[in-house]
C-alpha atoms as a PDB file:
ATOM      1  CA  MET A   1      59.116 351.641 184.630  1.00  0.00           C
ATOM      2  CA  ALA A   2      58.428 355.386 185.138  1.00  0.00           C
ATOM      3  CA  ALA A   3      61.515 355.876 187.319  1.00  0.00           C
ATOM      4  CA  ASN A   4      63.711 354.454 184.646  1.00  0.00           C
ATOM      5  CA  LEU A   5      61.964 355.932 181.613  1.00  0.00           C
ATOM      6  CA  HIS A   6      63.816 358.587 179.671  1.00  0.00           C
ATOM      7  CA  VAL A   7      61.613 360.368 177.121  1.00  0.00           C
ATOM      8  CA  PHE A   8      63.474 361.966 174.185  1.00  0.00           C
ATOM      9  CA  ASP A   9      60.274 362.405 172.168  1.00  0.00           C
ATOM     10  CA  PRO A  10      56.848 362.388 173.996  1.00  0.00           C
ATOM     11  CA  ARG A  11      55.259 361.114 170.795  1.00  0.00           C
ATOM     12  CA  GLY A  12      57.939 358.595 170.151  1.00  0.00           C
ATOM     13  CA  ASN A  13      56.888 355.294 168.660  1.00  0.00           C
ATOM     14  CA  MET A  14      59.985 353.316 169.604  1.00  0.00           C
ATOM     15  CA  THR A  15      61.353 352.285 172.992  1.00  0.00           C
ATOM     16  CA  PHE A  16      64.891 351.014 173.675  1.00  0.00           C
ATOM     17  CA  VAL A  17      65.398 348.754 176.645  1.00  0.00           C
ATOM     18  CA  LEU A  18      68.941 348.952 178.090  1.00  0.00           C
ATOM     19  CA  GLN A  19      70.518 347.652 181.271  1.00  0.00           C
ATOM     20  CA  SER A  20      72.182 349.627 184.061  1.00  0.00           C
ATOM     21  CA  LEU A  21      74.209 348.238 186.926  1.00  0.00           C
ATOM     22  CA  VAL A  22      72.525 348.747 190.281  1.00  0.00           C
ATOM     23  CA  ARG A  23      74.913 350.285 192.800  1.00  0.00           C
ATOM     24  CA  GLU A  24      74.062 348.795 196.203  1.00  0.00           C
ATOM     25  CA  PRO A  25      74.544 350.767 199.443  1.00  0.00           C
ATOM     26  CA  ARG A  26      77.937 350.187 201.070  1.00  0.00           C
ATOM     27  CA  ARG A  27      77.686 347.517 203.726  1.00  0.00           C
ATOM     28  CA  GLY A  28      79.428 347.200 207.096  1.00  0.00           C
ATOM     29  CA  SER A  29      82.785 345.744 207.650  1.00  0.00           C
ATOM     30  CA  SER A  30      81.638 342.340 208.869  1.00  0.00           C
ATOM     31  CA  LEU A  31      82.818 339.166 207.208  1.00  0.00           C
ATOM     32  CA  LEU A  32      79.343 338.742 205.659  1.00  0.00           C
ATOM     33  CA  SER A  33      79.991 341.831 203.587  1.00  0.00           C
ATOM     34  CA  TYR A  34      82.773 340.004 201.708  1.00  0.00           C
ATOM     35  CA  ARG A  35      80.487 337.319 200.325  1.00  0.00           C
ATOM     36  CA  HIS A  36      80.121 337.341 196.573  1.00  0.00           C
ATOM     37  CA  HIS A  37      76.912 338.993 195.357  1.00  0.00           C
ATOM     38  CA  PRO A  38      75.860 338.652 191.751  1.00  0.00           C
ATOM     39  CA  ARG A  39      75.604 341.885 189.752  1.00  0.00           C
ATOM     40  CA  LYS A  40      72.153 343.397 189.789  1.00  0.00           C
ATOM     41  CA  LEU A  41      70.911 345.000 186.614  1.00  0.00           C
ATOM     42  CA  ALA A  42      67.994 347.354 186.245  1.00  0.00           C
ATOM     43  CA  LYS A  43      66.189 348.004 183.010  1.00  0.00           C
ATOM     44  CA  VAL A  44      66.397 351.485 181.540  1.00  0.00           C
ATOM     45  CA  TYR A  45      63.778 352.557 178.979  1.00  0.00           C
ATOM     46  CA  MET A  46      64.272 355.265 176.325  1.00  0.00           C
ATOM     47  CA  ARG A  47      61.365 356.513 174.278  1.00  0.00           C
ATOM     48  CA  VAL A  48      62.567 357.836 170.945  1.00  0.00           C
ATOM     49  CA  SER A  49      61.384 358.828 167.513  1.00  0.00           C
ATOM     50  CA  SER A  50      61.945 356.246 164.778  1.00  0.00           C
ATOM     51  CA  LYS A  51      61.926 359.007 162.105  1.00  0.00           C
ATOM     52  CA  ARG A  52      64.772 360.883 163.769  1.00  0.00           C
ATOM     53  CA  LEU A  53      66.746 357.651 164.260  1.00  0.00           C
ATOM     54  CA  MET A  54      66.333 356.613 160.608  1.00  0.00           C
ATOM     55  CA  ARG A  55      67.541 360.051 159.517  1.00  0.00           C
ATOM     56  CA  ALA A  56      70.563 359.865 161.758  1.00  0.00           C
ATOM     57  CA  SER A  57      71.643 356.237 161.585  1.00  0.00           C
ATOM     58  CA  PRO A  58      71.893 353.896 158.508  1.00  0.00           C
ATOM     59  CA  VAL A  59      71.797 351.017 160.934  1.00  0.00           C
ATOM     60  CA  PHE A  60      68.456 351.891 162.379  1.00  0.00           C
ATOM     61  CA  LYS A  61      67.177 352.849 158.973  1.00  0.00           C
ATOM     62  CA  ALA A  62      67.978 349.394 157.669  1.00  0.00           C
ATOM     63  CA  MET A  63      66.496 347.787 160.861  1.00  0.00           C
ATOM     64  CA  LEU A  64      63.185 349.689 160.595  1.00  0.00           C
ATOM     65  CA  LYS A  65      62.608 349.869 156.826  1.00  0.00           C
ATOM     66  CA  HIS A  66      63.423 346.327 155.820  1.00  0.00           C
ATOM     67  CA  SER A  67      62.149 342.897 156.813  1.00  0.00           C
ATOM     68  CA  PHE A  68      63.764 342.864 160.245  1.00  0.00           C
ATOM     69  CA  VAL A  69      61.331 341.905 162.989  1.00  0.00           C
ATOM     70  CA  GLU A  70      61.621 345.458 164.495  1.00  0.00           C
ATOM     71  CA  GLY A  71      60.460 347.051 161.239  1.00  0.00           C
ATOM     72  CA  VAL A  72      57.707 344.544 160.714  1.00  0.00           C
ATOM     73  CA  THR A  73      56.417 345.114 164.238  1.00  0.00           C
ATOM     74  CA  LEU A  74      56.595 348.922 163.899  1.00  0.00           C
ATOM     75  CA  ARG A  75      54.614 348.882 160.692  1.00  0.00           C
ATOM     76  CA  ALA A  76      52.058 346.422 162.096  1.00  0.00           C
ATOM     77  CA  THR A  77      51.395 347.999 165.520  1.00  0.00           C
ATOM     78  CA  GLY A  78      52.683 351.571 165.198  1.00  0.00           C
ATOM     79  CA  ARG A  79      55.316 351.119 167.958  1.00  0.00           C
ATOM     80  CA  VAL A  80      58.133 348.749 168.776  1.00  0.00           C
ATOM     81  CA  GLU A  81      60.335 347.889 171.765  1.00  0.00           C
ATOM     82  CA  VAL A  82      64.011 347.091 171.009  1.00  0.00           C
ATOM     83  CA  PRO A  83      66.345 345.523 173.591  1.00  0.00           C
ATOM     84  CA  LEU A  84      69.942 346.816 173.638  1.00  0.00           C
ATOM     85  CA  PRO A  85      71.425 344.870 176.548  1.00  0.00           C
ATOM     86  CA  ASP A  86      75.096 345.455 175.519  1.00  0.00           C
ATOM     87  CA  ASP A  87      74.945 349.277 175.167  1.00  0.00           C
ATOM     88  CA  ASP A  88      75.935 351.672 177.896  1.00  0.00           C
ATOM     89  CA  PRO A  89      72.791 353.563 178.839  1.00  0.00           C
ATOM     90  CA  VAL A  90      74.630 356.762 179.836  1.00  0.00           C
ATOM     91  CA  VAL A  91      76.488 356.911 176.498  1.00  0.00           C
ATOM     92  CA  PHE A  92      73.445 355.829 174.469  1.00  0.00           C
ATOM     93  CA  GLY A  93      71.350 358.454 176.249  1.00  0.00           C
ATOM     94  CA  LEU A  94      73.890 361.158 175.349  1.00  0.00           C
ATOM     95  CA  LEU A  95      73.675 360.113 171.695  1.00  0.00           C
ATOM     96  CA  MET A  96      69.872 360.138 171.791  1.00  0.00           C
ATOM     97  CA  ASP A  97      69.947 363.645 173.173  1.00  0.00           C
ATOM     98  CA  ILE A  98      72.048 364.682 170.160  1.00  0.00           C
ATOM     99  CA  VAL A  99      69.860 362.893 167.701  1.00  0.00           C
ATOM    100  CA  HIS A 100      66.663 364.383 169.140  1.00  0.00           C
ATOM    101  CA  GLY A 101      68.093 367.821 169.840  1.00  0.00           C
ATOM    102  CA  THR A 102      66.994 367.625 173.485  1.00  0.00           C
ATOM    103  CA  ARG A 103      68.622 369.115 176.531  1.00  0.00           C
ATOM    104  CA  ARG A 104      70.058 366.621 178.950  1.00  0.00           C
ATOM    105  CA  ARG A 105      68.161 366.276 182.189  1.00  0.00           C
ATOM    106  CA  THR A 106      71.273 365.155 184.015  1.00  0.00           C
ATOM    107  CA  PRO A 107      74.803 366.070 182.983  1.00  0.00           C
ATOM    108  CA  PRO A 108      76.960 363.244 181.560  1.00  0.00           C
ATOM    109  CA  PRO A 109      80.013 362.075 183.537  1.00  0.00           C
ATOM    110  CA  PRO A 110      83.164 364.102 183.154  1.00  0.00           C
ATOM    111  CA  MET A 111      84.606 363.590 179.767  1.00  0.00           C
ATOM    112  CA  ASP A 112      87.816 361.558 179.776  1.00  0.00           C
ATOM    113  CA  THR A 113      89.580 359.184 177.415  1.00  0.00           C
ATOM    114  CA  LEU A 114      87.615 356.043 178.441  1.00  0.00           C
ATOM    115  CA  PHE A 115      84.239 357.799 178.266  1.00  0.00           C
ATOM    116  CA  LEU A 116      85.068 359.240 174.825  1.00  0.00           C
ATOM    117  CA  THR A 117      86.158 355.772 173.739  1.00  0.00           C
ATOM    118  CA  LYS A 118      82.709 354.395 174.833  1.00  0.00           C
ATOM    119  CA  ILE A 119      81.055 357.103 172.744  1.00  0.00           C
ATOM    120  CA  ALA A 120      83.214 356.249 169.747  1.00  0.00           C
ATOM    121  CA  ILE A 121      82.271 352.531 170.069  1.00  0.00           C
ATOM    122  CA  LEU A 122      78.543 353.300 169.876  1.00  0.00           C
ATOM    123  CA  VAL A 123      78.995 355.949 167.218  1.00  0.00           C
ATOM    124  CA  ASP A 124      80.777 353.420 165.091  1.00  0.00           C
ATOM    125  CA  LYS A 125      78.229 350.727 165.886  1.00  0.00           C
ATOM    126  CA  TYR A 126      75.262 352.861 164.690  1.00  0.00           C
ATOM    127  CA  ARG A 127      77.236 354.863 162.104  1.00  0.00           C
ATOM    128  CA  LEU A 128      76.457 358.225 163.689  1.00  0.00           C
ATOM    129  CA  GLN A 129      79.698 359.994 162.717  1.00  0.00           C
ATOM    130  CA  GLN A 130      78.198 362.718 160.584  1.00  0.00           C
ATOM    131  CA  TYR A 131      75.497 363.459 163.112  1.00  0.00           C
ATOM    132  CA  VAL A 132      77.855 363.924 166.052  1.00  0.00           C
ATOM    133  CA  ALA A 133      80.734 365.498 164.136  1.00  0.00           C
ATOM    134  CA  THR A 134      80.363 368.957 165.707  1.00  0.00           C
ATOM    135  CA  TYR A 135      80.267 367.476 169.160  1.00  0.00           C
ATOM    136  CA  SER A 136      83.080 364.955 168.603  1.00  0.00           C
ATOM    137  CA  ASP A 137      85.372 367.689 167.407  1.00  0.00           C
ATOM    138  CA  ALA A 138      84.770 369.630 170.635  1.00  0.00           C
ATOM    139  CA  TRP A 139      85.211 366.465 172.772  1.00  0.00           C
ATOM    140  CA  VAL A 140      88.531 365.640 171.151  1.00  0.00           C
ATOM    141  CA  GLU A 141      89.852 369.150 171.378  1.00  0.00           C
ATOM    142  CA  ALA A 142      89.029 369.251 175.077  1.00  0.00           C
ATOM    143  CA  LEU A 143      91.089 366.169 175.658  1.00  0.00           C
ATOM    144  CA  ARG A 144      94.030 366.772 173.340  1.00  0.00           C
ATOM    145  CA  CYS A 145      96.349 367.245 176.276  1.00  0.00           C
ATOM    146  CA  ASP A 146      95.670 363.554 177.150  1.00  0.00           C
ATOM    147  CA  LEU A 147      97.080 362.294 173.855  1.00  0.00           C
ATOM    148  CA  PRO A 148      99.677 359.633 174.614  1.00  0.00           C
ATOM    149  CA  GLN A 149     103.257 360.679 173.678  1.00  0.00           C
ATOM    150  CA  THR A 150     104.518 357.115 174.211  1.00  0.00           C
ATOM    151  CA  PHE A 151     103.005 353.700 173.889  1.00  0.00           C
ATOM    152  CA  ASN A 152     100.710 353.209 176.863  1.00  0.00           C
ATOM    153  CA  ALA A 153      97.352 351.699 177.682  1.00  0.00           C
ATOM    154  CA  ASP A 154      95.441 354.653 176.268  1.00  0.00           C
ATOM    155  CA  LEU A 155      97.083 354.621 172.830  1.00  0.00           C
ATOM    156  CA  MET A 156      94.634 352.098 171.403  1.00  0.00           C
ATOM    157  CA  HIS A 157      91.720 353.990 172.834  1.00  0.00           C
ATOM    158  CA  TRP A 158      92.971 357.163 171.061  1.00  0.00           C
ATOM    159  CA  LEU A 159      93.566 355.248 167.893  1.00  0.00           C
ATOM    160  CA  CYS A 160      89.934 354.182 168.118  1.00  0.00           C
ATOM    161  CA  ILE A 161      88.751 357.720 168.813  1.00  0.00           C
ATOM    162  CA  SER A 162      90.760 359.236 166.003  1.00  0.00           C
ATOM    163  CA  TRP A 163      89.597 356.563 163.507  1.00  0.00           C
ATOM    164  CA  VAL A 164      85.875 356.711 164.374  1.00  0.00           C
ATOM    165  CA  PHE A 165      85.659 360.512 164.504  1.00  0.00           C
ATOM    166  CA  ARG A 166      87.962 360.880 161.481  1.00  0.00           C
ATOM    167  CA  ARG A 167      90.590 363.066 163.133  1.00  0.00           C
ATOM    168  CA  PRO A 168      93.586 363.017 160.668  1.00  0.00           C
ATOM    169  CA  ILE A 169      96.131 364.707 162.983  1.00  0.00           C
ATOM    170  CA  GLU A 170      95.414 362.526 166.037  1.00  0.00           C
ATOM    171  CA  PHE A 171      95.318 359.448 163.790  1.00  0.00           C
ATOM    172  CA  ASN A 172      98.740 360.247 162.413  1.00  0.00           C
ATOM    173  CA  LEU A 173     100.166 360.944 165.869  1.00  0.00           C
ATOM    174  CA  MET A 174      98.826 357.663 167.364  1.00  0.00           C
ATOM    175  CA  THR A 175      99.975 355.508 164.436  1.00  0.00           C
ATOM    176  CA  ARG A 176     103.397 357.213 164.523  1.00  0.00           C
ATOM    177  CA  VAL A 177     103.794 356.282 168.221  1.00  0.00           C
ATOM    178  CA  ALA A 178     102.505 352.777 167.491  1.00  0.00           C
ATOM    179  CA  GLU A 179     104.825 351.992 164.602  1.00  0.00           C
ATOM    180  CA  ARG A 180     107.866 353.392 166.430  1.00  0.00           C
ATOM    181  CA  GLU A 181     107.196 352.002 169.888  1.00  0.00           C
ATOM    182  CA  SER A 182     104.990 348.884 169.533  1.00  0.00           C
ATOM    183  CA  LEU A 183     106.459 345.512 170.443  1.00  0.00           C
ATOM    184  CA  GLY A 184     104.048 343.889 167.970  1.00  0.00           C
ATOM    185  CA  GLN A 185     101.912 341.765 170.253  1.00  0.00           C
ATOM    186  CA  ASP A 186     100.683 344.848 172.229  1.00  0.00           C
ATOM    187  CA  LEU A 187      98.608 346.090 169.226  1.00  0.00           C
ATOM    188  CA  ASP A 188      95.486 344.442 170.611  1.00  0.00           C
ATOM    189  CA  THR A 189      92.080 345.890 169.737  1.00  0.00           C
ATOM    190  CA  TYR A 190      90.577 344.391 172.865  1.00  0.00           C
ATOM    191  CA  SER A 191      90.352 346.938 175.704  1.00  0.00           C
ATOM    192  CA  GLU A 192      90.767 345.459 179.141  1.00  0.00           C
ATOM    193  CA  ALA A 193      89.653 348.723 180.749  1.00  0.00           C
ATOM    194  CA  LEU A 194      86.333 348.637 178.935  1.00  0.00           C
ATOM    195  CA  ASP A 195      86.041 344.889 178.450  1.00  0.00           C
ATOM    196  CA  GLU A 196      85.197 345.531 174.769  1.00  0.00           C
ATOM    197  CA  ASN A 197      86.678 345.179 171.361  1.00  0.00           C
ATOM    198  CA  LEU A 198      87.638 348.546 169.800  1.00  0.00           C
ATOM    199  CA  PRO A 199      86.318 349.181 166.238  1.00  0.00           C
ATOM    200  CA  ILE A 200      89.718 349.576 164.629  1.00  0.00           C
ATOM    201  CA  PRO A 201      89.918 347.870 161.158  1.00  0.00           C
ATOM    202  CA  GLN A 202      92.422 345.060 160.937  1.00  0.00           C
ATOM    203  CA  ARG A 203      93.978 346.668 157.872  1.00  0.00           C
ATOM    204  CA  ILE A 204      95.150 349.544 160.040  1.00  0.00           C
ATOM    205  CA  ILE A 205      96.706 347.180 162.542  1.00  0.00           C
ATOM    206  CA  ASP A 206      98.322 345.194 159.779  1.00  0.00           C
ATOM    207  CA  SER A 207      99.759 348.356 158.257  1.00  0.00           C
ATOM    208  CA  ILE A 208     101.220 349.494 161.589  1.00  0.00           C
ATOM    209  CA  LEU A 209     102.769 346.048 162.180  1.00  0.00           C
ATOM    210  CA  ALA A 210     104.278 345.972 158.678  1.00  0.00           C
ATOM    211  CA  ARG A 211     105.789 349.403 159.084  1.00  0.00           C
ATOM    212  CA  ARG A 212     107.091 348.506 162.568  1.00  0.00           C
ATOM    213  CA  MET A 213     108.938 345.508 161.183  1.00  0.00           C
ATOM    214  CA  LYS A 214     110.297 347.456 158.205  1.00  0.00           C
ATOM    215  CA  ALA A 215     111.535 350.270 160.478  1.00  0.00           C
ATOM    216  CA  ILE A 216     113.385 347.865 162.709  1.00  0.00           C
ATOM    217  CA  ARG A 217     114.831 345.882 159.775  1.00  0.00           C
ATOM    218  CA  ASN A 218     115.996 349.026 158.097  1.00  0.00           C
ATOM    219  CA  SER A 219     117.666 350.143 161.348  1.00  0.00           C
ATOM    220  CA  PHE A 220     119.699 346.910 161.353  1.00  0.00           C
ATOM    221  CA  ASP A 221     120.432 347.457 157.683  1.00  0.00           C
ATOM    222  CA  VAL A 222     122.216 350.747 158.556  1.00  0.00           C
ATOM    223  CA  ILE A 223     124.652 348.756 160.688  1.00  0.00           C
ATOM    224  CA  GLY A 224     125.116 346.170 157.944  1.00  0.00           C
ATOM    225  CA  ARG A 225     125.665 348.861 155.354  1.00  0.00           C
ATOM    226  CA  TYR A 226     128.546 350.449 157.307  1.00  0.00           C
ATOM    227  CA  ILE A 227     130.071 347.027 158.096  1.00  0.00           C
ATOM    228  CA  ASP A 228     130.164 346.409 154.281  1.00  0.00           C
ATOM    229  CA  VAL A 229     131.624 349.886 153.635  1.00  0.00           C
ATOM    230  CA  LEU A 230     134.417 349.446 156.171  1.00  0.00           C
ATOM    231  CA  GLN A 231     135.173 345.913 154.915  1.00  0.00           C
ATOM    232  CA  ASN A 232     135.073 346.492 151.178  1.00  0.00           C
ATOM    233  CA  SER A 233     135.736 350.169 150.455  1.00  0.00           C
ATOM    234  CA  LYS A 234     138.942 352.177 150.734  1.00  0.00           C
ATOM    235  CA  PRO A 235     139.879 353.269 154.277  1.00  0.00           C
ATOM    236  CA  ARG A 236     137.950 356.089 155.870  1.00  0.00           C
ATOM    237  CA  CYS A 237     141.129 357.270 157.422  1.00  0.00           C
ATOM    238  CA  THR A 238     142.897 359.939 155.385  1.00  0.00           C
ATOM    239  CA  SER A 239     146.087 360.103 157.466  1.00  0.00           C
ATOM    240  CA  SER A 240     149.225 360.946 155.499  1.00  0.00           C
ATOM    241  CA  ARG A 241     151.375 358.749 157.754  1.00  0.00           C
ATOM    242  CA  SER A 242     151.251 355.540 155.652  1.00  0.00           C
ATOM    243  CA  GLU A 243     148.913 353.264 153.865  1.00  0.00           C
ATOM    244  CA  SER A 244     149.443 350.725 156.609  1.00  0.00           C
ATOM    245  CA  HIS A 245     148.353 353.183 159.203  1.00  0.00           C
ATOM    246  CA  ARG A 246     145.159 353.957 157.234  1.00  0.00           C
ATOM    247  CA  TYR A 247     144.235 350.266 156.867  1.00  0.00           C
ATOM    248  CA  THR A 248     144.997 349.596 160.531  1.00  0.00           C
ATOM    249  CA  CYS A 249     142.806 352.588 161.481  1.00  0.00           C
ATOM    250  CA  ASN A 250     140.035 351.216 159.267  1.00  0.00           C
ATOM    251  CA  SER A 251     140.307 347.739 160.791  1.00  0.00           C
ATOM    252  CA  ILE A 252     140.080 349.109 164.348  1.00  0.00           C
ATOM    253  CA  LEU A 253     137.021 351.165 163.294  1.00  0.00           C
ATOM    254  CA  LEU A 254     135.392 348.120 161.821  1.00  0.00           C
ATOM    255  CA  GLY A 255     136.238 346.009 164.849  1.00  0.00           C
ATOM    256  CA  SER A 256     134.717 348.576 167.238  1.00  0.00           C
ATOM    257  CA  LEU A 257     131.526 348.633 165.171  1.00  0.00           C
ATOM    258  CA  LEU A 258     131.293 344.861 165.133  1.00  0.00           C
ATOM    259  CA  GLU A 259     132.147 344.495 168.816  1.00  0.00           C
ATOM    260  CA  GLY A 260     129.837 347.244 169.932  1.00  0.00           C
ATOM    261  CA  SER A 261     126.929 345.951 167.858  1.00  0.00           C
ATOM    262  CA  ALA A 262     127.426 342.382 169.113  1.00  0.00           C
ATOM    263  CA  ARG A 263     127.697 343.433 172.733  1.00  0.00           C
ATOM    264  CA  LEU A 264     124.359 345.287 172.482  1.00  0.00           C
ATOM    265  CA  GLY A 265     122.723 342.407 170.690  1.00  0.00           C
ATOM    266  CA  LEU A 266     122.297 344.306 167.414  1.00  0.00           C
ATOM    267  CA  TRP A 267     124.547 342.181 165.205  1.00  0.00           C
ATOM    268  CA  PRO A 268     123.937 339.758 163.768  1.00  0.00           C
ATOM    269  CA  PRO A 269     120.402 341.079 163.757  1.00  0.00           C
ATOM    270  CA  PRO A 270     117.586 338.964 165.276  1.00  0.00           C
ATOM    271  CA  ASP A 271     114.943 337.413 163.112  1.00  0.00           C
ATOM    272  CA  ALA A 272     111.578 339.002 162.428  1.00  0.00           C
ATOM    273  CA  PRO A 273     109.053 339.655 163.949  1.00  0.00           C
ATOM    274  CA  TYR A 274     111.585 341.162 166.455  1.00  0.00           C
ATOM    275  CA  GLN A 275     109.702 340.220 169.565  1.00  0.00           C
ATOM    276  CA  ASP A 276     110.367 342.496 172.556  1.00  0.00           C
ATOM    277  CA  LEU A 277     111.939 345.109 170.375  1.00  0.00           C
ATOM    278  CA  ASN A 278     110.691 348.391 169.000  1.00  0.00           C
ATOM    279  CA  PHE A 279     112.107 350.885 166.516  1.00  0.00           C
ATOM    280  CA  THR A 280     112.780 353.594 169.108  1.00  0.00           C
ATOM    281  CA  PHE A 281     114.710 351.250 171.316  1.00  0.00           C
ATOM    282  CA  VAL A 282     116.800 349.863 168.451  1.00  0.00           C
ATOM    283  CA  VAL A 283     117.730 353.327 167.236  1.00  0.00           C
ATOM    284  CA  ARG A 284     118.758 354.354 170.768  1.00  0.00           C
ATOM    285  CA  GLU A 285     120.905 351.294 171.123  1.00  0.00           C
ATOM    286  CA  ILE A 286     122.651 351.838 167.795  1.00  0.00           C
ATOM    287  CA  MET A 287     123.599 355.358 168.877  1.00  0.00           C
ATOM    288  CA  GLN A 288     125.172 353.809 172.011  1.00  0.00           C
ATOM    289  CA  ILE A 289     127.752 351.866 169.940  1.00  0.00           C
ATOM    290  CA  ASN A 290     131.186 353.134 170.933  1.00  0.00           C
ATOM    291  CA  MET A 291     133.111 353.471 167.655  1.00  0.00           C
ATOM    292  CA  ILE A 292     136.810 354.332 167.836  1.00  0.00           C
ATOM    293  CA  SER A 293     139.519 354.688 165.209  1.00  0.00           C
ATOM    294  CA  PHE A 294     143.254 354.073 165.491  1.00  0.00           C
ATOM    295  CA  CYS A 295     143.829 357.778 165.043  1.00  0.00           C
ATOM    296  CA  SER A 296     141.658 358.700 168.042  1.00  0.00           C
ATOM    297  CA  LYS A 297     143.029 355.781 170.102  1.00  0.00           C
ATOM    298  CA  MET A 298     146.590 357.038 169.488  1.00  0.00           C
ATOM    299  CA  GLY A 299     145.582 360.641 170.156  1.00  0.00           C
ATOM    300  CA  TYR A 300     146.720 362.086 166.847  1.00  0.00           C
ATOM    301  CA  ALA A 301     145.632 365.733 167.161  1.00  0.00           C
ATOM    302  CA  ASN A 302     145.870 366.480 163.460  1.00  0.00           C
ATOM    303  CA  GLN A 303     143.395 363.787 162.481  1.00  0.00           C
ATOM    304  CA  PRO A 304     139.581 363.685 162.741  1.00  0.00           C
ATOM    305  CA  THR A 305     138.575 362.488 166.161  1.00  0.00           C
ATOM    306  CA  GLY A 306     136.300 359.574 167.033  1.00  0.00           C
ATOM    307  CA  SER A 307     135.190 357.458 164.120  1.00  0.00           C
ATOM    308  CA  HIS A 308     136.242 359.435 161.018  1.00  0.00           C
ATOM    309  CA  GLY A 309     132.653 360.595 160.615  1.00  0.00           C
ATOM    310  CA  VAL A 310     131.160 357.069 160.479  1.00  0.00           C
ATOM    311  CA  LYS A 311     129.103 357.433 163.667  1.00  0.00           C
ATOM    312  CA  ALA A 312     127.806 360.798 162.571  1.00  0.00           C
ATOM    313  CA  GLU A 313     126.762 359.305 159.219  1.00  0.00           C
ATOM    314  CA  ILE A 314     124.980 356.457 161.000  1.00  0.00           C
ATOM    315  CA  GLY A 315     123.151 358.996 163.146  1.00  0.00           C
ATOM    316  CA  SER A 316     122.125 360.966 160.102  1.00  0.00           C
ATOM    317  CA  ALA A 317     120.906 357.805 158.361  1.00  0.00           C
ATOM    318  CA  LEU A 318     118.746 356.959 161.425  1.00  0.00           C
ATOM    319  CA  VAL A 319     117.336 360.441 161.564  1.00  0.00           C
ATOM    320  CA  LYS A 320     116.255 360.142 157.867  1.00  0.00           C
ATOM    321  CA  LEU A 321     114.854 356.708 158.636  1.00  0.00           C
ATOM    322  CA  LYS A 322     112.852 358.037 161.548  1.00  0.00           C
ATOM    323  CA  ALA A 323     111.380 360.686 159.296  1.00  0.00           C
ATOM    324  CA  ARG A 324     110.101 357.996 156.983  1.00  0.00           C
ATOM    325  CA  PHE A 325     108.190 356.256 159.715  1.00  0.00           C
ATOM    326  CA  SER A 326     106.137 359.147 160.892  1.00  0.00           C
ATOM    327  CA  GLY A 327     102.639 357.629 161.065  1.00  0.00           C
ATOM    328  CA  LEU A 328      99.766 356.785 158.692  1.00  0.00           C
ATOM    329  CA  SER A 329      97.517 359.022 156.758  1.00  0.00           C
ATOM    330  CA  LEU A 330      93.815 358.735 157.586  1.00  0.00           C
ATOM    331  CA  LYS A 331      92.746 359.320 153.964  1.00  0.00           C
ATOM    332  CA  ASP A 332      94.574 356.181 152.882  1.00  0.00           C
ATOM    333  CA  PHE A 333      92.018 354.078 154.862  1.00  0.00           C
ATOM    334  CA  ASP A 334      88.759 355.843 153.916  1.00  0.00           C
END
């Protein structure tokens, strides 16, 4: 036990028992080395102060002060042993260093997104946010350059980090990317990289999904609105040639919008929940619609070129729409 005993308080009356994977020496290249070997786990013991833990963590306070078996044992015998087989001993040891104000005997692994996510998971589990706030701010700042700019495997890790450590800017950035670029089914709180569920409340996921669908639906509505305008309003063409010319120009403009939208699969719009689509893709596709008027087709130099301003208006509407879907506010979920 001595080799795997970590003492955070020499007079500590509480011992945690964790498990660490034993790394076996690399074997030769014989075929025998490819046989399956079960994972070997070694116990890791951590001696801690129950008083410090109860001050730092409402979870441990409830465990040790109420009628849980750990609290009963501690009061009856003056010490208690608590198994924590699911907790990472390296991460848990780092948190115990912070709780006890001790200097680490061995440096932690290099801080990266996955390691910080592991810390966030345990901080949330034991509700240590306030106790580690100074440290967590420094950890996040050191890794800000790793913040995903697009939807990738680390986005959900950073959403977890920003939520647990109450980082409003990072939370807004991650939810912005998610609502604009998520395909819906990819908002999974299970992390394959860590083989753990991330402590992200379902109400946050539901809000992102709802805003994603609304953003996509509103994008299709922009197309529908201009189809209605070109069908039911007076012609956009202001040519002085003739009324017939203006209506012909308008019809060609409408036709190019309908044809271009249909060719790109944008009209008629697909049904919700818009599988395999995201807001960013839909907006980009809408801007690819080739709109042309009779005036531009005939090369009339004294008339507005292109689409008589319709495409520019669609682009402007999409820019305004994008500004509306710019992420969630952390304070709305506290």
